[in-house]
C-alpha cells in the first residue's frame, strides 16, 4: 500500500532482458535501507526488490506489468519515481494507492501557468471498465507515474493535473513532454463504490 507521495526520482542504471521479463537496476539514496523481498513503487508499479548491492538494487517486471505500464519503455539514465510502502502509524498525505497500475496514458499537452504547469493526459476508454470505476472525476484522486494528484478538467477519456514546482523538480514530471507515456492508477475508492452500486 502506498500514498502517492514520491520519496525520490531514482536513476535507471541497467536493464536486463530475460525472456518476457526485464530486470531493472536503479540507484537511489536509500539503497542501504532496502532489503530483499521489500515492495517499492516504481512510477506507480509495485515491484519486489530481488537483488541489492551497496549502491543499487534490482527489481523484476513480468510481461503483464510491461503490457500495462511504461516500464518497458525505460532506458538507462531515465528517472523513475520511487515510494516505499506506507507506514501505518503516520499521516496519509496523498490517497490510498495500491501500486497496481490500471493502464497507460499519453500526455497530450503541457502548458505553463505562471510558475506551475498543467499536464493533460488521454487514455483509452472501455465502457465496461468505466462502469467499474476506471474513470476520473472532477477534484477526485488519480495516480500518475506513482504521484498522487487531484483531477481537474475531467473528460470522458482525458483529464488534467496541476503540478507545483516542488513536484515538477522532485519527480519525473520534469521529463514529461507531449507524447510521453505514463502509468495510471484510478482511485480504488471509486472502484469499490462503482462495484457496490452495480450489485
Protein backbone atom coordinates (compact mmCIF):
# COMPACT_ATOMS: atom_id res chain seq x y z
CA UNK A 1 0.00 0.00 0.00
CA UNK A 2 1.28 3.46 -0.94
CA UNK A 3 0.19 7.08 -0.61
CA UNK A 4 1.42 8.57 -3.89
CA UNK A 5 3.92 10.87 -2.17
CA UNK A 6 7.18 10.34 -4.06
CA UNK A 7 10.34 9.97 -2.00
CA UNK A 8 12.83 10.28 -4.82
CA UNK A 9 13.27 10.16 -8.58
CA UNK A 10 15.86 7.38 -8.95
CA UNK A 11 18.12 6.75 -11.94
CA UNK A 12 17.95 3.58 -14.03
CA UNK A 13 21.47 2.11 -14.02
CA UNK A 14 20.90 -1.05 -16.09
CA UNK A 15 18.14 -3.00 -17.86
CA UNK A 16 18.48 -6.75 -18.40
CA UNK A 17 16.04 -8.64 -20.64
CA UNK A 18 15.24 -12.19 -19.53
CA UNK A 19 12.72 -13.94 -21.82
CA UNK A 20 9.48 -11.96 -21.29
CA UNK A 21 10.74 -10.22 -18.16
CA UNK A 22 13.04 -7.29 -17.52
CA UNK A 23 15.31 -6.73 -14.53
CA UNK A 24 15.67 -3.04 -13.68
CA UNK A 25 18.67 -1.92 -11.65
CA UNK A 26 18.36 1.51 -10.05
CA UNK A 27 20.42 3.85 -7.90
CA UNK A 28 18.82 5.86 -5.09
CA UNK A 29 19.82 7.50 -1.81
CA UNK A 30 18.13 4.91 0.45
CA UNK A 31 19.55 1.69 -1.04
CA UNK A 32 21.14 0.83 2.32
CA UNK A 33 17.67 0.87 3.94
CA UNK A 34 16.15 -1.57 1.42
CA UNK A 35 16.01 -5.30 1.91
CA UNK A 36 15.41 -8.26 -0.38
CA UNK A 37 11.67 -9.02 -0.79
CA UNK A 38 10.63 -5.44 0.03
CA UNK A 39 7.91 -3.76 -2.07
CA UNK A 40 8.74 -0.43 -3.71
CA UNK A 41 6.58 1.61 -6.09
CA UNK A 42 8.29 2.44 -9.43
CA UNK A 43 6.33 5.01 -11.46
CA UNK A 44 3.33 3.69 -9.54
CA UNK A 45 4.08 -0.01 -10.11
CA UNK A 46 4.63 -2.15 -7.01
CA UNK A 47 7.76 -4.29 -7.58
CA UNK A 48 9.81 -6.52 -5.28
CA UNK A 49 13.49 -5.98 -4.54
CA UNK A 50 15.27 -9.15 -5.75
CA UNK A 51 18.96 -8.11 -5.62
CA UNK A 52 20.96 -5.45 -3.87
CA UNK A 53 24.48 -4.03 -3.81
CA UNK A 54 25.95 -1.18 -1.78
CA UNK A 55 24.79 1.46 -4.29
CA UNK A 56 21.97 -0.11 -6.33
CA UNK A 57 19.11 -2.60 -6.24
CA UNK A 58 17.23 -4.69 -8.80
CA UNK A 59 13.53 -5.41 -9.35
CA UNK A 60 11.83 -7.64 -11.92
CA UNK A 61 8.85 -6.70 -14.11
CA UNK A 62 6.95 -9.53 -15.81
CA UNK A 63 5.09 -9.32 -19.14
CA UNK A 64 1.71 -8.46 -17.54
CA UNK A 65 3.33 -5.46 -15.85
CA UNK A 66 5.12 -4.41 -19.03
CA UNK A 67 1.86 -4.59 -21.00
CA UNK A 68 0.01 -2.30 -18.57
CA UNK A 69 2.78 0.15 -17.69
CA UNK A 70 5.54 2.31 -19.16
CA UNK A 71 8.35 0.32 -17.51
CA UNK A 72 9.20 -1.46 -20.75
CA UNK A 73 9.97 1.93 -22.34
CA UNK A 74 12.64 2.84 -19.78
CA UNK A 75 16.28 3.32 -20.79
CA UNK A 76 19.47 3.59 -18.75
CA UNK A 77 19.68 7.12 -17.35
CA UNK A 78 15.90 7.65 -17.13
CA UNK A 79 14.40 8.86 -13.86
CA UNK A 80 11.82 6.71 -12.07
CA UNK A 81 9.51 7.91 -9.26
CA UNK A 82 10.07 5.85 -6.09
CA UNK A 83 7.99 5.36 -2.98
CA UNK A 84 8.47 2.76 -0.29
CA UNK A 85 5.35 1.15 1.18
CA UNK A 86 3.30 3.23 3.56
CA UNK A 87 3.86 3.11 7.32
CA UNK A 88 0.53 2.51 9.04
CA UNK A 89 1.43 4.67 12.05
CA UNK A 90 1.54 8.05 10.27
CA UNK A 91 -0.43 10.51 8.20
CA UNK A 92 -1.81 9.59 4.79
CA UNK A 93 -0.62 12.65 2.86
CA UNK A 94 -1.79 11.56 -0.61
CA UNK A 95 -4.53 8.97 -1.20
CA UNK A 96 -4.72 5.18 -1.00
CA UNK A 97 -2.55 3.83 -3.82
CA UNK A 98 -2.17 0.09 -4.37
CA UNK A 99 0.72 0.11 -6.82
CA UNK A 100 -1.43 -1.86 -9.29
CA UNK A 101 -1.31 0.18 -12.49
CA UNK A 102 -4.57 0.05 -14.46
CA UNK A 103 -3.37 1.31 -17.82
CA UNK A 104 -1.09 3.62 -19.75
CA UNK A 105 -1.99 7.14 -20.87
CA UNK A 106 -0.32 9.63 -23.21
CA UNK A 107 0.49 13.25 -22.41
CA UNK A 108 -1.32 15.38 -25.00
CA UNK A 109 -0.48 18.85 -23.68
CA UNK A 110 1.81 20.66 -21.25
CA UNK A 111 1.31 24.32 -20.51
CA UNK A 112 2.98 26.64 -18.05
CA UNK A 113 0.72 28.66 -15.77
CA UNK A 114 2.77 31.42 -14.17
CA UNK A 115 5.06 29.21 -12.08
CA UNK A 116 3.11 25.95 -12.19
CA UNK A 117 2.19 23.55 -15.00
CA UNK A 118 -0.91 21.87 -16.36
CA UNK A 119 -0.50 18.40 -17.91
CA UNK A 120 -3.29 16.79 -19.95
CA UNK A 121 -3.40 13.00 -20.29
CA UNK A 122 -5.55 10.91 -22.62
CA UNK A 123 -6.40 7.24 -22.19
CA UNK A 124 -8.45 4.58 -23.97
CA UNK A 125 -12.00 4.20 -22.65
CA UNK A 126 -13.64 0.81 -22.32
CA UNK A 127 -17.33 1.28 -21.42
CA UNK A 128 -17.44 -1.82 -19.21
CA UNK A 129 -14.28 -0.79 -17.34
CA UNK A 130 -15.64 2.77 -16.94
CA UNK A 131 -18.74 1.31 -15.24
CA UNK A 132 -16.35 -0.38 -12.79
CA UNK A 133 -14.73 2.91 -11.77
CA UNK A 134 -11.85 3.11 -14.24
CA UNK A 135 -12.52 6.81 -14.77
CA UNK A 136 -11.56 10.19 -13.39
CA UNK A 137 -13.92 12.61 -11.68
CA UNK A 138 -13.53 16.33 -11.13
CA UNK A 139 -11.48 17.04 -7.97
CA UNK A 140 -11.06 13.31 -7.40
CA UNK A 141 -7.74 11.49 -6.96
CA UNK A 142 -5.64 9.83 -9.62
CA UNK A 143 -2.15 8.36 -9.55
CA UNK A 144 0.14 9.32 -12.48
CA UNK A 145 3.55 7.58 -12.54
CA UNK A 146 3.05 6.92 -8.84
CA UNK A 147 2.25 10.55 -7.93
CA UNK A 148 -0.98 11.22 -6.04
CA UNK A 149 -2.73 14.09 -7.83
CA UNK A 150 -6.06 15.92 -7.96
CA UNK A 151 -8.02 15.71 -11.21
CA UNK A 152 -9.17 18.86 -12.99
CA UNK A 153 -10.93 19.36 -16.33
CA UNK A 154 -12.04 15.71 -16.35
CA UNK A 155 -13.48 14.47 -19.66
CA UNK A 156 -14.64 11.06 -20.89
CA UNK A 157 -11.15 9.95 -21.97
CA UNK A 158 -8.85 12.66 -20.62
CA UNK A 159 -8.06 14.82 -17.62
CA UNK A 160 -5.61 17.44 -16.43
CA UNK A 161 -3.48 17.76 -13.32
CA UNK A 162 -1.84 20.90 -11.95
CA UNK A 163 1.80 20.44 -10.96
CA UNK A 164 3.53 22.69 -8.42
CA UNK A 165 7.26 23.50 -8.76
CA UNK A 166 8.26 21.07 -5.97
CA UNK A 167 6.59 18.11 -7.73
CA UNK A 168 7.99 19.20 -11.10
CA UNK A 169 11.55 19.25 -9.70
CA UNK A 170 11.45 16.20 -7.39
CA UNK A 171 9.65 13.67 -9.62
CA UNK A 172 9.95 12.71 -13.28
CA UNK A 173 7.23 15.20 -14.23
CA UNK A 174 10.09 17.46 -15.31
CA UNK A 175 10.79 14.97 -18.13
CA UNK A 176 7.19 14.51 -19.31
CA UNK A 177 6.51 16.07 -22.70
CA UNK A 178 3.70 15.85 -25.23
CA UNK A 179 3.72 12.22 -26.40
CA UNK A 180 5.23 10.79 -23.18
CA UNK A 181 3.58 7.56 -21.97
CA UNK A 182 2.68 7.47 -18.26
CA UNK A 183 1.14 4.97 -15.84
CA UNK A 184 -2.37 5.47 -14.42
CA UNK A 185 -3.96 4.01 -11.32
CA UNK A 186 -7.56 5.10 -10.83
CA UNK A 187 -8.92 5.71 -7.31
CA UNK A 188 -9.62 2.43 -5.50
CA UNK A 189 -12.45 4.03 -3.51
CA UNK A 190 -14.22 4.92 -6.76
CA UNK A 191 -13.80 1.34 -7.97
CA UNK A 192 -15.38 -0.06 -4.80
CA UNK A 193 -18.29 2.39 -4.97
CA UNK A 194 -18.90 1.53 -8.62
CA UNK A 195 -18.91 -2.19 -7.75
CA UNK A 196 -21.34 -1.70 -4.86
CA UNK A 197 -23.74 0.33 -6.99
CA UNK A 198 -23.84 -2.49 -9.57
CA UNK A 199 -24.68 -5.23 -7.04
